[in-house]
Amino acid sequence: MNALEPRRRWWPRSVRARAALAAASAAAVVLVGIGWWVHRDVYRQSMDTTTAQAQ
């Protein structure tokens, strides 16, 4: 990179790129939330089954 070349920014400049980044971020948050919910539900069912077998 020479002194005349502008520095690249981390955040995109175009509206299309910003919208795509925002949509990808929102999708990631939703997927993490769904994954957490599924994990919690499977864990709860597993614990219920284990408790019933122990009794």
C-alpha atoms as a PDB file:
ATOM      1  CA  MET A   1       0.000   0.000   0.000  1.00  0.00           C
ATOM      2  CA  ASN A   2       1.500   3.302  -1.018  1.00  0.00           C
ATOM      3  CA  ALA A   3       0.848   6.718   0.462  1.00  0.00           C
ATOM      4  CA  LEU A   4      -1.472   7.784  -2.370  1.00  0.00           C
ATOM      5  CA  GLU A   5      -3.794   4.807  -2.076  1.00  0.00           C
ATOM      6  CA  PRO A   6      -6.714   5.338   0.343  1.00  0.00           C
ATOM      7  CA  ARG A   7      -6.821   3.130   3.405  1.00  0.00           C
ATOM      8  CA  ARG A   8      -9.415   0.400   3.367  1.00  0.00           C
ATOM      9  CA  ARG A   9     -12.043   0.556   6.044  1.00  0.00           C
ATOM     10  CA  TRP A  10     -13.454  -2.392   7.941  1.00  0.00           C
ATOM     11  CA  TRP A  11     -17.034  -1.139   7.560  1.00  0.00           C
ATOM     12  CA  PRO A  12     -18.245  -1.222   3.939  1.00  0.00           C
ATOM     13  CA  ARG A  13     -19.097   2.056   2.240  1.00  0.00           C
ATOM     14  CA  SER A  14     -21.942   1.024  -0.062  1.00  0.00           C
ATOM     15  CA  VAL A  15     -25.511   0.682   1.137  1.00  0.00           C
ATOM     16  CA  ARG A  16     -25.787  -2.746  -0.486  1.00  0.00           C
ATOM     17  CA  ALA A  17     -22.736  -4.045   1.371  1.00  0.00           C
ATOM     18  CA  ARG A  18     -23.962  -2.598   4.668  1.00  0.00           C
ATOM     19  CA  ALA A  19     -27.372  -4.200   4.185  1.00  0.00           C
ATOM     20  CA  ALA A  20     -25.771  -7.560   3.370  1.00  0.00           C
ATOM     21  CA  LEU A  21     -23.563  -7.348   6.448  1.00  0.00           C
ATOM     22  CA  ALA A  22     -26.535  -6.432   8.635  1.00  0.00           C
ATOM     23  CA  ALA A  23     -28.601  -9.303   7.220  1.00  0.00           C
ATOM     24  CA  ALA A  24     -25.761 -11.768   7.768  1.00  0.00           C
ATOM     25  CA  SER A  25     -25.343 -10.558  11.345  1.00  0.00           C
ATOM     26  CA  ALA A  26     -29.062 -10.892  12.032  1.00  0.00           C
ATOM     27  CA  ALA A  27     -29.094 -14.396  10.543  1.00  0.00           C
ATOM     28  CA  ALA A  28     -26.142 -15.381  12.726  1.00  0.00           C
ATOM     29  CA  VAL A  29     -27.924 -14.140  15.853  1.00  0.00           C
ATOM     30  CA  VAL A  30     -31.082 -16.063  14.911  1.00  0.00           C
ATOM     31  CA  LEU A  31     -29.131 -19.266  14.210  1.00  0.00           C
ATOM     32  CA  VAL A  32     -27.283 -19.023  17.514  1.00  0.00           C
ATOM     33  CA  GLY A  33     -30.591 -18.495  19.317  1.00  0.00           C
ATOM     34  CA  ILE A  34     -32.195 -21.492  17.618  1.00  0.00           C
ATOM     35  CA  GLY A  35     -29.142 -23.633  18.359  1.00  0.00           C
ATOM     36  CA  TRP A  36     -29.236 -22.648  22.014  1.00  0.00           C
ATOM     37  CA  TRP A  37     -32.966 -23.410  22.217  1.00  0.00           C
ATOM     38  CA  VAL A  38     -32.562 -26.848  20.591  1.00  0.00           C
ATOM     39  CA  HIS A  39     -29.635 -27.678  22.880  1.00  0.00           C
ATOM     40  CA  ARG A  40     -31.642 -26.655  25.954  1.00  0.00           C
ATOM     41  CA  ASP A  41     -34.685 -28.664  24.832  1.00  0.00           C
ATOM     42  CA  VAL A  42     -32.655 -31.811  24.113  1.00  0.00           C
ATOM     43  CA  TYR A  43     -30.848 -31.449  27.457  1.00  0.00           C
ATOM     44  CA  ARG A  44     -34.166 -31.046  29.300  1.00  0.00           C
ATOM     45  CA  GLN A  45     -35.658 -34.118  27.622  1.00  0.00           C
ATOM     46  CA  SER A  46     -32.528 -36.104  28.404  1.00  0.00           C
ATOM     47  CA  MET A  47     -32.664 -35.092  32.055  1.00  0.00           C
ATOM     48  CA  ASP A  48     -36.377 -35.950  32.268  1.00  0.00           C
ATOM     49  CA  THR A  49     -35.707 -39.406  30.827  1.00  0.00           C
ATOM     50  CA  THR A  50     -32.764 -39.972  33.172  1.00  0.00           C
ATOM     51  CA  THR A  51     -34.813 -38.875  36.195  1.00  0.00           C
ATOM     52  CA  ALA A  52     -37.683 -41.170  35.225  1.00  0.00           C
ATOM     53  CA  GLN A  53     -35.312 -44.120  34.807  1.00  0.00           C
ATOM     54  CA  ALA A  54     -33.634 -43.403  38.133  1.00  0.00           C
ATOM     55  CA  GLN A  55     -36.971 -43.402  39.958  1.00  0.00           C
END
